[in-house]
Amino acid sequence: MFDFFNNINWLNLAFSVPALVLALTFHEFCHGLVASILGDDTPRAQGRLTLNPIRHLDPVGTLMLFLFRFGWAKPVEVDARNFRVNRKLGMALVAVAGPLSNLLLALFSAYCINFINSGLIPSNIYFTAFFNMLMLYNVCFAAFNILPIPPLDGSKVVAAIVPDNIAELLYSNTQLYMLLLVLFTTTGYVSKFMTPLVDWCYYFINMLVFA
């Protein structure tokens, strides 16, 4: 998806497939879970409150991730009118759940790697490769999705903070932003914004696990 993946070899690719599927599935599941907790039953009615990847993966979007380093899963549909909290706050909480879920999986992966390295889990090159890929994908997904560009999750947090007229302006041009996002991602410009976010995520994880 980003420059971080340019040096992946075929062996790593074999382990990246299940890691990618798990990262995307858990991300979308957590969107639906938080929406359900806040009172909206739309994700449950559409079968999105499950860890079954078939319910969450978009075949074209997943293939695009491997071929062009840019892709997507099926967005979880949410009806903010059903929230028991303020609609803008509810949408922000649902949005943040995605990147936070990826950080949790990255943290879990880091703990597993640490347990393997310390001998608490029997050393296995396949386990190590899988957890390394799982941590890499989840860190990158968390950093990418928090960018304040529609339709990414970070833009929904911004929309909850700014006045309604600015939020409407922001989302009235979603297709244009999407085209620009694809262009800037495939040409590498997004990586310039991603790098400090990814570095911060790794620093946070290292501080919790390896300190």
N, C-alpha and C. Protein backbone atom coordinates (compact mmCIF):
# COMPACT_ATOMS: atom_id res chain seq x y z
N MET A 1 0.82 -1.20 0.00
CA MET A 1 0.00 0.00 0.00
C MET A 1 0.86 1.25 0.00
N PHE A 2 1.95 1.23 0.72
CA PHE A 2 2.81 2.39 0.79
C PHE A 2 4.24 1.98 0.45
N ASP A 3 5.16 2.92 0.51
CA ASP A 3 6.56 2.62 0.22
C ASP A 3 7.11 1.55 1.16
N PHE A 4 6.48 1.41 2.34
CA PHE A 4 6.97 0.45 3.32
C PHE A 4 6.88 -0.97 2.77
N PHE A 5 6.02 -1.21 1.75
CA PHE A 5 5.79 -2.55 1.27
C PHE A 5 6.60 -2.87 0.00
N ASN A 6 7.44 -1.94 -0.45
CA ASN A 6 8.11 -2.13 -1.73
C ASN A 6 9.08 -3.30 -1.72
N ASN A 7 9.63 -3.64 -0.53
CA ASN A 7 10.66 -4.67 -0.46
C ASN A 7 10.12 -6.04 -0.01
N ILE A 8 8.79 -6.21 -0.03
CA ILE A 8 8.21 -7.49 0.37
C ILE A 8 8.58 -8.56 -0.65
N ASN A 9 9.12 -9.69 -0.19
CA ASN A 9 9.42 -10.78 -1.09
C ASN A 9 8.26 -11.77 -1.12
N TRP A 10 8.38 -12.82 -1.93
CA TRP A 10 7.27 -13.74 -2.09
C TRP A 10 6.96 -14.50 -0.81
N LEU A 11 7.99 -14.81 -0.01
CA LEU A 11 7.74 -15.50 1.25
C LEU A 11 6.93 -14.62 2.18
N ASN A 12 7.34 -13.35 2.29
CA ASN A 12 6.59 -12.43 3.13
C ASN A 12 5.18 -12.22 2.59
N LEU A 13 5.04 -12.25 1.27
CA LEU A 13 3.72 -12.08 0.67
C LEU A 13 2.77 -13.18 1.12
N ALA A 14 3.31 -14.42 1.23
CA ALA A 14 2.48 -15.53 1.67
C ALA A 14 1.93 -15.31 3.07
N PHE A 15 2.72 -14.66 3.93
CA PHE A 15 2.26 -14.39 5.29
C PHE A 15 1.47 -13.10 5.36
N SER A 16 1.65 -12.24 4.37
CA SER A 16 0.93 -10.96 4.40
C SER A 16 -0.54 -11.12 4.05
N VAL A 17 -0.90 -12.18 3.32
CA VAL A 17 -2.30 -12.38 2.93
C VAL A 17 -3.19 -12.57 4.16
N PRO A 18 -2.91 -13.55 5.04
CA PRO A 18 -3.76 -13.66 6.23
C PRO A 18 -3.65 -12.46 7.16
N ALA A 19 -2.48 -11.84 7.22
CA ALA A 19 -2.33 -10.64 8.05
C ALA A 19 -3.19 -9.50 7.52
N LEU A 20 -3.19 -9.33 6.22
CA LEU A 20 -4.00 -8.28 5.60
C LEU A 20 -5.48 -8.53 5.81
N VAL A 21 -5.90 -9.77 5.61
CA VAL A 21 -7.32 -10.12 5.79
C VAL A 21 -7.76 -9.85 7.22
N LEU A 22 -6.94 -10.24 8.18
CA LEU A 22 -7.27 -10.03 9.59
C LEU A 22 -7.34 -8.54 9.92
N ALA A 23 -6.39 -7.76 9.42
CA ALA A 23 -6.36 -6.33 9.70
C ALA A 23 -7.60 -5.62 9.15
N LEU A 24 -7.95 -5.92 7.91
CA LEU A 24 -9.12 -5.29 7.29
C LEU A 24 -10.41 -5.73 7.97
N THR A 25 -10.52 -7.03 8.27
CA THR A 25 -11.74 -7.56 8.88
C THR A 25 -11.98 -6.97 10.26
N PHE A 26 -10.94 -6.95 11.08
CA PHE A 26 -11.09 -6.42 12.45
C PHE A 26 -11.39 -4.93 12.42
N HIS A 27 -10.80 -4.20 11.49
CA HIS A 27 -11.05 -2.77 11.34
C HIS A 27 -12.53 -2.51 11.09
N GLU A 28 -13.11 -3.19 10.11
CA GLU A 28 -14.51 -2.97 9.77
C GLU A 28 -15.45 -3.50 10.86
N PHE A 29 -15.09 -4.63 11.45
CA PHE A 29 -15.89 -5.17 12.54
C PHE A 29 -16.01 -4.17 13.69
N CYS A 30 -14.92 -3.52 14.03
CA CYS A 30 -14.93 -2.57 15.14
C CYS A 30 -15.76 -1.32 14.82
N HIS A 31 -15.75 -0.90 13.56
CA HIS A 31 -16.67 0.18 13.17
C HIS A 31 -18.11 -0.22 13.50
N GLY A 32 -18.50 -1.40 13.05
CA GLY A 32 -19.86 -1.86 13.28
C GLY A 32 -20.17 -2.08 14.74
N LEU A 33 -19.20 -2.59 15.50
CA LEU A 33 -19.40 -2.86 16.92
C LEU A 33 -19.68 -1.58 17.68
N VAL A 34 -18.90 -0.54 17.45
CA VAL A 34 -19.10 0.73 18.15
C VAL A 34 -20.43 1.36 17.75
N ALA A 35 -20.78 1.29 16.46
CA ALA A 35 -22.07 1.82 16.03
C ALA A 35 -23.21 1.10 16.74
N SER A 36 -23.09 -0.22 16.89
CA SER A 36 -24.12 -1.00 17.57
C SER A 36 -24.21 -0.62 19.04
N ILE A 37 -23.06 -0.43 19.68
CA ILE A 37 -23.04 -0.04 21.09
C ILE A 37 -23.72 1.32 21.28
N LEU A 38 -23.56 2.20 20.29
CA LEU A 38 -24.14 3.54 20.39
C LEU A 38 -25.63 3.56 20.03
N GLY A 39 -26.17 2.43 19.60
CA GLY A 39 -27.61 2.36 19.37
C GLY A 39 -28.05 2.11 17.94
N ASP A 40 -27.12 2.06 17.00
CA ASP A 40 -27.49 1.83 15.61
C ASP A 40 -27.35 0.35 15.27
N ASP A 41 -28.45 -0.26 14.87
CA ASP A 41 -28.45 -1.69 14.59
C ASP A 41 -28.23 -2.00 13.11
N THR A 42 -27.90 -0.98 12.32
CA THR A 42 -27.70 -1.18 10.88
C THR A 42 -26.58 -2.20 10.59
N PRO A 43 -25.40 -2.08 11.22
CA PRO A 43 -24.34 -3.07 10.94
C PRO A 43 -24.76 -4.50 11.27
N ARG A 44 -25.50 -4.67 12.38
CA ARG A 44 -25.95 -6.02 12.75
C ARG A 44 -26.95 -6.55 11.72
N ALA A 45 -27.86 -5.70 11.28
CA ALA A 45 -28.87 -6.12 10.31
C ALA A 45 -28.23 -6.50 8.98
N GLN A 46 -27.10 -5.90 8.66
CA GLN A 46 -26.42 -6.18 7.40
C GLN A 46 -25.34 -7.26 7.54
N GLY A 47 -25.28 -7.88 8.72
CA GLY A 47 -24.35 -8.99 8.93
C GLY A 47 -22.91 -8.58 9.08
N ARG A 48 -22.66 -7.34 9.54
CA ARG A 48 -21.28 -6.86 9.66
C ARG A 48 -20.68 -7.05 11.05
N LEU A 49 -21.50 -7.49 12.01
CA LEU A 49 -20.94 -7.74 13.35
C LEU A 49 -20.43 -9.17 13.42
N THR A 50 -19.44 -9.44 12.62
CA THR A 50 -18.83 -10.76 12.54
C THR A 50 -17.37 -10.61 12.13
N LEU A 51 -16.56 -11.60 12.49
CA LEU A 51 -15.17 -11.63 12.08
C LEU A 51 -14.97 -12.50 10.84
N ASN A 52 -16.06 -12.84 10.20
CA ASN A 52 -15.99 -13.57 8.94
C ASN A 52 -15.52 -12.60 7.84
N PRO A 53 -14.33 -12.79 7.28
CA PRO A 53 -13.80 -11.82 6.31
C PRO A 53 -14.65 -11.67 5.06
N ILE A 54 -15.43 -12.70 4.72
CA ILE A 54 -16.26 -12.61 3.52
C ILE A 54 -17.24 -11.47 3.62
N ARG A 55 -17.68 -11.16 4.84
CA ARG A 55 -18.65 -10.10 5.06
C ARG A 55 -18.03 -8.70 4.91
N HIS A 56 -16.71 -8.62 4.99
CA HIS A 56 -16.07 -7.31 5.05
C HIS A 56 -15.18 -6.99 3.85
N LEU A 57 -14.61 -8.00 3.21
CA LEU A 57 -13.63 -7.74 2.16
C LEU A 57 -14.29 -7.42 0.84
N ASP A 58 -13.74 -6.45 0.16
CA ASP A 58 -14.13 -6.14 -1.21
C ASP A 58 -13.08 -6.78 -2.12
N PRO A 59 -13.47 -7.72 -2.99
CA PRO A 59 -12.47 -8.44 -3.80
C PRO A 59 -11.58 -7.51 -4.62
N VAL A 60 -12.19 -6.52 -5.25
CA VAL A 60 -11.41 -5.59 -6.07
C VAL A 60 -10.50 -4.74 -5.19
N GLY A 61 -11.03 -4.24 -4.08
CA GLY A 61 -10.24 -3.40 -3.18
C GLY A 61 -9.07 -4.14 -2.58
N THR A 62 -9.27 -5.42 -2.23
CA THR A 62 -8.19 -6.22 -1.66
C THR A 62 -7.11 -6.49 -2.70
N LEU A 63 -7.52 -6.82 -3.92
CA LEU A 63 -6.56 -7.05 -5.00
C LEU A 63 -5.76 -5.79 -5.31
N MET A 64 -6.43 -4.64 -5.26
CA MET A 64 -5.76 -3.38 -5.52
C MET A 64 -4.66 -3.11 -4.50
N LEU A 65 -4.89 -3.56 -3.25
CA LEU A 65 -3.87 -3.37 -2.21
C LEU A 65 -2.57 -4.04 -2.58
N PHE A 66 -2.65 -5.24 -3.12
CA PHE A 66 -1.45 -5.98 -3.47
C PHE A 66 -0.81 -5.46 -4.76
N LEU A 67 -1.65 -5.06 -5.71
CA LEU A 67 -1.11 -4.67 -7.01
C LEU A 67 -0.63 -3.22 -7.06
N PHE A 68 -1.39 -2.32 -6.39
CA PHE A 68 -1.11 -0.89 -6.52
C PHE A 68 -0.86 -0.18 -5.20
N ARG A 69 -0.81 -0.97 -4.09
CA ARG A 69 -0.54 -0.40 -2.77
C ARG A 69 -1.62 0.57 -2.32
N PHE A 70 -2.82 0.44 -2.89
CA PHE A 70 -3.97 1.24 -2.46
C PHE A 70 -5.22 0.38 -2.65
N GLY A 71 -6.04 0.28 -1.59
CA GLY A 71 -7.24 -0.54 -1.71
C GLY A 71 -8.23 -0.20 -0.63
N TRP A 72 -9.24 -1.07 -0.47
CA TRP A 72 -10.31 -0.76 0.47
C TRP A 72 -11.07 -2.03 0.82
N ALA A 73 -11.82 -1.96 1.92
CA ALA A 73 -12.78 -3.00 2.28
C ALA A 73 -14.18 -2.43 2.08
N LYS A 74 -15.20 -3.25 2.31
CA LYS A 74 -16.57 -2.76 2.21
C LYS A 74 -16.85 -1.82 3.38
N PRO A 75 -17.22 -0.57 3.13
CA PRO A 75 -17.52 0.35 4.24
C PRO A 75 -18.72 -0.14 5.04
N VAL A 76 -18.65 0.01 6.35
CA VAL A 76 -19.77 -0.33 7.22
C VAL A 76 -20.79 0.81 7.16
N GLU A 77 -22.02 0.49 6.81
CA GLU A 77 -23.06 1.51 6.75
C GLU A 77 -23.59 1.80 8.15
N VAL A 78 -23.75 3.09 8.44
CA VAL A 78 -24.18 3.54 9.76
C VAL A 78 -25.27 4.59 9.59
N ASP A 79 -26.30 4.51 10.44
CA ASP A 79 -27.36 5.52 10.46
C ASP A 79 -27.25 6.30 11.76
N ALA A 80 -26.68 7.49 11.67
CA ALA A 80 -26.42 8.30 12.87
C ALA A 80 -27.69 8.72 13.60
N ARG A 81 -28.83 8.66 12.92
CA ARG A 81 -30.10 9.03 13.57
C ARG A 81 -30.47 8.08 14.69
N ASN A 82 -29.88 6.89 14.69
CA ASN A 82 -30.18 5.90 15.72
C ASN A 82 -29.28 6.00 16.94
N PHE A 83 -28.28 6.85 16.90
CA PHE A 83 -27.34 6.96 18.01
C PHE A 83 -28.02 7.50 19.27
N ARG A 84 -27.57 7.00 20.41
CA ARG A 84 -28.06 7.51 21.69
C ARG A 84 -27.26 8.73 22.15
N VAL A 85 -26.27 9.10 21.37
CA VAL A 85 -25.45 10.28 21.68
C VAL A 85 -25.57 11.26 20.52
N ASN A 86 -24.95 12.42 20.67
CA ASN A 86 -24.91 13.41 19.60
C ASN A 86 -24.42 12.75 18.31
N ARG A 87 -25.08 13.07 17.19
CA ARG A 87 -24.77 12.39 15.92
C ARG A 87 -23.32 12.60 15.50
N LYS A 88 -22.83 13.84 15.62
CA LYS A 88 -21.46 14.11 15.19
C LYS A 88 -20.47 13.38 16.08
N LEU A 89 -20.74 13.37 17.38
CA LEU A 89 -19.88 12.64 18.31
C LEU A 89 -19.91 11.15 18.01
N GLY A 90 -21.11 10.63 17.74
CA GLY A 90 -21.24 9.22 17.44
C GLY A 90 -20.47 8.83 16.20
N MET A 91 -20.56 9.63 15.14
CA MET A 91 -19.83 9.33 13.91
C MET A 91 -18.33 9.37 14.14
N ALA A 92 -17.88 10.31 14.98
CA ALA A 92 -16.44 10.40 15.29
C ALA A 92 -15.98 9.16 16.05
N LEU A 93 -16.79 8.69 17.00
CA LEU A 93 -16.42 7.50 17.78
C LEU A 93 -16.38 6.26 16.89
N VAL A 94 -17.35 6.14 16.00
CA VAL A 94 -17.36 5.01 15.07
C VAL A 94 -16.13 5.06 14.17
N ALA A 95 -15.79 6.25 13.71
CA ALA A 95 -14.63 6.40 12.82
C ALA A 95 -13.33 6.05 13.54
N VAL A 96 -13.16 6.55 14.75
CA VAL A 96 -11.91 6.32 15.50
C VAL A 96 -11.73 4.84 15.83
N ALA A 97 -12.85 4.12 15.93
CA ALA A 97 -12.77 2.69 16.27
C ALA A 97 -11.93 1.91 15.27
N GLY A 98 -11.94 2.33 14.00
CA GLY A 98 -11.16 1.62 12.98
C GLY A 98 -9.66 1.69 13.22
N PRO A 99 -9.09 2.90 13.23
CA PRO A 99 -7.65 3.02 13.50
C PRO A 99 -7.23 2.45 14.85
N LEU A 100 -8.08 2.64 15.88
CA LEU A 100 -7.74 2.09 17.19
C LEU A 100 -7.70 0.56 17.17
N SER A 101 -8.58 -0.04 16.39
CA SER A 101 -8.56 -1.51 16.29
C SER A 101 -7.26 -1.98 15.67
N ASN A 102 -6.76 -1.24 14.69
CA ASN A 102 -5.49 -1.60 14.06
C ASN A 102 -4.33 -1.43 15.03
N LEU A 103 -4.37 -0.38 15.84
CA LEU A 103 -3.32 -0.20 16.84
C LEU A 103 -3.33 -1.34 17.85
N LEU A 104 -4.52 -1.79 18.24
CA LEU A 104 -4.62 -2.91 19.19
C LEU A 104 -4.03 -4.18 18.59
N LEU A 105 -4.32 -4.45 17.32
CA LEU A 105 -3.76 -5.63 16.67
C LEU A 105 -2.24 -5.51 16.52
N ALA A 106 -1.77 -4.30 16.24
CA ALA A 106 -0.32 -4.09 16.15
C ALA A 106 0.34 -4.32 17.50
N LEU A 107 -0.30 -3.85 18.56
CA LEU A 107 0.22 -4.04 19.91
C LEU A 107 0.23 -5.52 20.27
N PHE A 108 -0.84 -6.23 19.92
CA PHE A 108 -0.90 -7.67 20.15
C PHE A 108 0.22 -8.39 19.41
N SER A 109 0.47 -7.98 18.17
CA SER A 109 1.53 -8.59 17.37
C SER A 109 2.89 -8.35 18.00
N ALA A 110 3.10 -7.13 18.49
CA ALA A 110 4.38 -6.80 19.12
C ALA A 110 4.62 -7.64 20.37
N TYR A 111 3.57 -7.85 21.17
CA TYR A 111 3.70 -8.70 22.36
C TYR A 111 4.06 -10.13 21.96
N CYS A 112 3.40 -10.63 20.91
CA CYS A 112 3.69 -11.99 20.46
C CYS A 112 5.14 -12.12 19.99
N ILE A 113 5.63 -11.12 19.26
CA ILE A 113 7.02 -11.13 18.81
C ILE A 113 7.96 -11.10 20.00
N ASN A 114 7.61 -10.29 20.98
CA ASN A 114 8.44 -10.20 22.19
C ASN A 114 8.46 -11.52 22.94
N PHE A 115 7.31 -12.19 23.02
CA PHE A 115 7.24 -13.50 23.71
C PHE A 115 8.07 -14.54 22.96
N ILE A 116 8.05 -14.49 21.63
CA ILE A 116 8.85 -15.43 20.83
C ILE A 116 10.33 -15.18 21.06
N ASN A 117 10.72 -13.91 21.01
CA ASN A 117 12.14 -13.56 21.19
C ASN A 117 12.65 -13.88 22.58
N SER A 118 11.75 -13.80 23.58
CA SER A 118 12.17 -14.07 24.96
C SER A 118 12.07 -15.54 25.32
N GLY A 119 11.51 -16.36 24.42
CA GLY A 119 11.41 -17.79 24.67
C GLY A 119 10.13 -18.24 25.33
N LEU A 120 9.24 -17.31 25.64
CA LEU A 120 7.97 -17.68 26.26
C LEU A 120 7.07 -18.43 25.28
N ILE A 121 7.25 -18.15 23.99
CA ILE A 121 6.58 -18.89 22.93
C ILE A 121 7.68 -19.55 22.11
N PRO A 122 7.54 -20.85 21.78
CA PRO A 122 8.59 -21.52 20.99
C PRO A 122 8.91 -20.76 19.71
N SER A 123 10.19 -20.61 19.42
CA SER A 123 10.62 -19.87 18.24
C SER A 123 10.18 -20.58 16.97
N ASN A 124 9.61 -19.81 16.07
CA ASN A 124 9.13 -20.37 14.80
C ASN A 124 9.19 -19.26 13.76
N ILE A 125 9.92 -19.51 12.68
CA ILE A 125 10.11 -18.44 11.68
C ILE A 125 8.78 -18.07 11.02
N TYR A 126 7.85 -19.02 10.94
CA TYR A 126 6.57 -18.73 10.31
C TYR A 126 5.71 -17.84 11.20
N PHE A 127 5.68 -18.14 12.51
CA PHE A 127 4.96 -17.28 13.44
C PHE A 127 5.55 -15.87 13.44
N THR A 128 6.88 -15.81 13.48
CA THR A 128 7.54 -14.50 13.51
C THR A 128 7.23 -13.70 12.25
N ALA A 129 7.27 -14.35 11.10
CA ALA A 129 6.97 -13.66 9.84
C ALA A 129 5.53 -13.16 9.83
N PHE A 130 4.61 -14.00 10.31
CA PHE A 130 3.20 -13.60 10.32
C PHE A 130 2.97 -12.39 11.23
N PHE A 131 3.50 -12.44 12.44
CA PHE A 131 3.27 -11.35 13.39
C PHE A 131 3.98 -10.07 12.96
N ASN A 132 5.14 -10.21 12.30
CA ASN A 132 5.80 -9.02 11.77
C ASN A 132 4.94 -8.35 10.70
N MET A 133 4.36 -9.16 9.81
CA MET A 133 3.49 -8.61 8.77
C MET A 133 2.22 -8.04 9.37
N LEU A 134 1.67 -8.72 10.38
CA LEU A 134 0.45 -8.23 11.03
C LEU A 134 0.69 -6.88 11.69
N MET A 135 1.84 -6.73 12.35
CA MET A 135 2.15 -5.45 12.98
C MET A 135 2.36 -4.37 11.93
N LEU A 136 3.07 -4.70 10.85
CA LEU A 136 3.34 -3.73 9.80
C LEU A 136 2.06 -3.22 9.16
N TYR A 137 1.18 -4.15 8.75
CA TYR A 137 -0.07 -3.74 8.12
C TYR A 137 -0.91 -2.88 9.05
N ASN A 138 -1.03 -3.30 10.29
CA ASN A 138 -1.91 -2.59 11.21
C ASN A 138 -1.39 -1.21 11.57
N VAL A 139 -0.08 -1.07 11.72
CA VAL A 139 0.48 0.25 11.97
C VAL A 139 0.21 1.17 10.78
N CYS A 140 0.43 0.65 9.57
CA CYS A 140 0.22 1.47 8.37
C CYS A 140 -1.26 1.81 8.17
N PHE A 141 -2.15 0.83 8.43
CA PHE A 141 -3.57 1.10 8.29
C PHE A 141 -4.04 2.15 9.28
N ALA A 142 -3.55 2.05 10.52
CA ALA A 142 -3.94 3.02 11.55
C ALA A 142 -3.49 4.42 11.15
N ALA A 143 -2.25 4.55 10.72
CA ALA A 143 -1.71 5.86 10.35
C ALA A 143 -2.41 6.41 9.11
N PHE A 144 -2.67 5.54 8.14
CA PHE A 144 -3.31 5.98 6.89
C PHE A 144 -4.74 6.43 7.12
N ASN A 145 -5.49 5.64 7.87
CA ASN A 145 -6.92 5.94 8.04
C ASN A 145 -7.18 7.15 8.93
N ILE A 146 -6.20 7.55 9.73
CA ILE A 146 -6.42 8.71 10.60
C ILE A 146 -6.15 10.01 9.86
N LEU A 147 -5.64 9.94 8.63
CA LEU A 147 -5.44 11.16 7.84
C LEU A 147 -6.79 11.84 7.61
N PRO A 148 -6.86 13.17 7.74
CA PRO A 148 -8.14 13.89 7.66
C PRO A 148 -8.59 14.16 6.23
N ILE A 149 -8.61 13.12 5.41
CA ILE A 149 -8.99 13.26 4.00
C ILE A 149 -10.19 12.36 3.73
N PRO A 150 -11.31 12.90 3.24
CA PRO A 150 -12.46 12.04 2.91
C PRO A 150 -12.06 11.02 1.85
N PRO A 151 -12.52 9.78 1.94
CA PRO A 151 -13.48 9.24 2.93
C PRO A 151 -12.82 8.54 4.11
N LEU A 152 -11.56 8.86 4.41
CA LEU A 152 -10.84 8.18 5.49
C LEU A 152 -11.45 8.52 6.85
N ASP A 153 -11.16 7.69 7.84
CA ASP A 153 -11.75 7.85 9.17
C ASP A 153 -11.40 9.19 9.81
N GLY A 154 -10.20 9.67 9.56
CA GLY A 154 -9.80 10.94 10.17
C GLY A 154 -10.66 12.10 9.74
N SER A 155 -11.21 12.04 8.53
CA SER A 155 -12.06 13.13 8.05
C SER A 155 -13.37 13.20 8.84
N LYS A 156 -13.85 12.06 9.33
CA LYS A 156 -15.08 12.03 10.11
C LYS A 156 -14.87 12.64 11.49
N VAL A 157 -13.65 12.51 12.00
CA VAL A 157 -13.32 13.16 13.27
C VAL A 157 -13.28 14.67 13.08
N VAL A 158 -12.69 15.11 11.97
CA VAL A 158 -12.65 16.54 11.65
C VAL A 158 -14.07 17.07 11.48
N ALA A 159 -14.93 16.32 10.79
CA ALA A 159 -16.31 16.74 10.56
C ALA A 159 -17.08 16.91 11.86
N ALA A 160 -16.69 16.17 12.89
CA ALA A 160 -17.37 16.28 14.18
C ALA A 160 -16.94 17.52 14.96
N ILE A 161 -15.81 18.10 14.56
CA ILE A 161 -15.26 19.25 15.28
C ILE A 161 -15.63 20.57 14.63
N VAL A 162 -15.58 20.61 13.30
CA VAL A 162 -15.80 21.86 12.57
C VAL A 162 -17.29 22.18 12.48
N PRO A 163 -17.65 23.43 12.17
CA PRO A 163 -19.07 23.80 11.99
C PRO A 163 -19.72 22.97 10.88
N ASP A 164 -21.04 22.87 10.95
CA ASP A 164 -21.78 22.02 10.01
C ASP A 164 -21.56 22.42 8.56
N ASN A 165 -21.50 23.73 8.29
CA ASN A 165 -21.35 24.16 6.90
C ASN A 165 -20.00 23.73 6.32
N ILE A 166 -18.96 23.73 7.15
CA ILE A 166 -17.65 23.29 6.68
C ILE A 166 -17.65 21.77 6.49
N ALA A 167 -18.31 21.05 7.41
CA ALA A 167 -18.40 19.60 7.28
C ALA A 167 -19.14 19.21 6.00
N GLU A 168 -20.21 19.94 5.69
CA GLU A 168 -20.96 19.66 4.46
C GLU A 168 -20.10 19.94 3.23
N LEU A 169 -19.32 21.01 3.28
CA LEU A 169 -18.42 21.33 2.17
C LEU A 169 -17.38 20.24 2.00
N LEU A 170 -16.92 19.73 3.13
CA LEU A 170 -15.90 18.69 3.11
C LEU A 170 -16.41 17.44 2.41
N TYR A 171 -17.66 17.07 2.70
CA TYR A 171 -18.19 15.83 2.15
C TYR A 171 -18.94 16.00 0.85
N SER A 172 -19.11 17.24 0.40
CA SER A 172 -19.74 17.45 -0.90
C SER A 172 -18.77 17.16 -2.04
N ASN A 173 -17.48 17.03 -1.72
CA ASN A 173 -16.45 16.78 -2.73
C ASN A 173 -15.72 15.46 -2.47
N THR A 174 -16.42 14.48 -1.92
CA THR A 174 -15.79 13.21 -1.54
C THR A 174 -15.16 12.51 -2.73
N GLN A 175 -15.84 12.49 -3.87
CA GLN A 175 -15.30 11.80 -5.05
C GLN A 175 -14.01 12.45 -5.53
N LEU A 176 -13.96 13.78 -5.48
CA LEU A 176 -12.74 14.48 -5.87
C LEU A 176 -11.60 14.14 -4.91
N TYR A 177 -11.89 14.15 -3.62
CA TYR A 177 -10.87 13.81 -2.63
C TYR A 177 -10.39 12.36 -2.83
N MET A 178 -11.32 11.47 -3.17
CA MET A 178 -10.96 10.08 -3.38
C MET A 178 -9.99 9.94 -4.55
N LEU A 179 -10.27 10.65 -5.64
CA LEU A 179 -9.37 10.61 -6.79
C LEU A 179 -8.00 11.15 -6.44
N LEU A 180 -7.98 12.26 -5.69
CA LEU A 180 -6.70 12.84 -5.28
C LEU A 180 -5.95 11.91 -4.34
N LEU A 181 -6.70 11.23 -3.47
CA LEU A 181 -6.08 10.29 -2.53
C LEU A 181 -5.42 9.14 -3.27
N VAL A 182 -6.12 8.60 -4.26
CA VAL A 182 -5.54 7.52 -5.07
C VAL A 182 -4.29 8.01 -5.78
N LEU A 183 -4.37 9.20 -6.37
CA LEU A 183 -3.23 9.75 -7.11
C LEU A 183 -2.04 9.97 -6.20
N PHE A 184 -2.26 10.60 -5.06
CA PHE A 184 -1.15 10.92 -4.16
C PHE A 184 -0.58 9.67 -3.50
N THR A 185 -1.43 8.65 -3.28
CA THR A 185 -0.93 7.41 -2.67
C THR A 185 -0.07 6.62 -3.64
N THR A 186 -0.56 6.46 -4.87
CA THR A 186 0.18 5.68 -5.86
C THR A 186 1.46 6.36 -6.31
N THR A 187 1.53 7.68 -6.18
CA THR A 187 2.75 8.39 -6.57
C THR A 187 3.71 8.59 -5.40
N GLY A 188 3.28 8.20 -4.20
CA GLY A 188 4.19 8.24 -3.06
C GLY A 188 4.12 9.48 -2.20
N TYR A 189 3.30 10.46 -2.57
CA TYR A 189 3.26 11.70 -1.79
C TYR A 189 2.64 11.50 -0.42
N VAL A 190 1.66 10.58 -0.31
CA VAL A 190 1.03 10.34 0.98
C VAL A 190 2.05 9.81 1.99
N SER A 191 3.06 9.10 1.51
CA SER A 191 4.08 8.55 2.40
C SER A 191 4.79 9.63 3.21
N LYS A 192 4.88 10.82 2.65
CA LYS A 192 5.55 11.91 3.37
C LYS A 192 4.78 12.29 4.62
N PHE A 193 3.44 12.18 4.56
CA PHE A 193 2.63 12.44 5.74
C PHE A 193 2.54 11.21 6.63
N MET A 194 2.64 10.04 5.99
CA MET A 194 2.53 8.80 6.73
C MET A 194 3.73 8.53 7.62
N THR A 195 4.91 8.87 7.15
CA THR A 195 6.14 8.49 7.85
C THR A 195 6.16 8.93 9.31
N PRO A 196 5.88 10.21 9.64
CA PRO A 196 5.90 10.58 11.07
C PRO A 196 4.82 9.88 11.87
N LEU A 197 3.65 9.62 11.26
CA LEU A 197 2.59 8.91 11.97
C LEU A 197 2.98 7.47 12.25
N VAL A 198 3.58 6.82 11.26
CA VAL A 198 4.03 5.44 11.44
C VAL A 198 5.13 5.38 12.50
N ASP A 199 6.07 6.33 12.45
CA ASP A 199 7.15 6.37 13.44
C ASP A 199 6.59 6.54 14.84
N TRP A 200 5.58 7.41 14.97
CA TRP A 200 4.97 7.62 16.29
C TRP A 200 4.29 6.35 16.76
N CYS A 201 3.59 5.64 15.88
CA CYS A 201 2.91 4.39 16.26
C CYS A 201 3.92 3.36 16.74
N TYR A 202 5.02 3.22 16.01
CA TYR A 202 6.05 2.27 16.42
C TYR A 202 6.68 2.67 17.75
N TYR A 203 6.89 3.97 17.95
CA TYR A 203 7.45 4.44 19.21
C TYR A 203 6.51 4.12 20.37
N PHE A 204 5.22 4.35 20.17
CA PHE A 204 4.21 4.06 21.20
C PHE A 204 4.19 2.57 21.53
N ILE A 205 4.21 1.73 20.49
CA ILE A 205 4.19 0.28 20.70
C ILE A 205 5.45 -0.19 21.40
N ASN A 206 6.60 0.30 20.95
CA ASN A 206 7.87 -0.09 21.58
C ASN A 206 7.92 0.34 23.05
N MET A 207 7.34 1.51 23.34
CA MET A 207 7.34 2.01 24.70
C MET A 207 6.53 1.09 25.61
N LEU A 208 5.43 0.53 25.08
CA LEU A 208 4.56 -0.32 25.89
C LEU A 208 5.10 -1.75 26.02
N VAL A 209 5.73 -2.23 24.95
CA VAL A 209 6.10 -3.65 24.91
C VAL A 209 7.55 -3.91 25.23
N PHE A 210 8.43 -3.11 24.66
CA PHE A 210 9.85 -3.43 24.73
C PHE A 210 10.64 -2.57 25.71
N ALA A 211 9.94 -1.72 26.45
CA ALA A 211 10.65 -0.86 27.41
C ALA A 211 11.23 -1.69 28.55
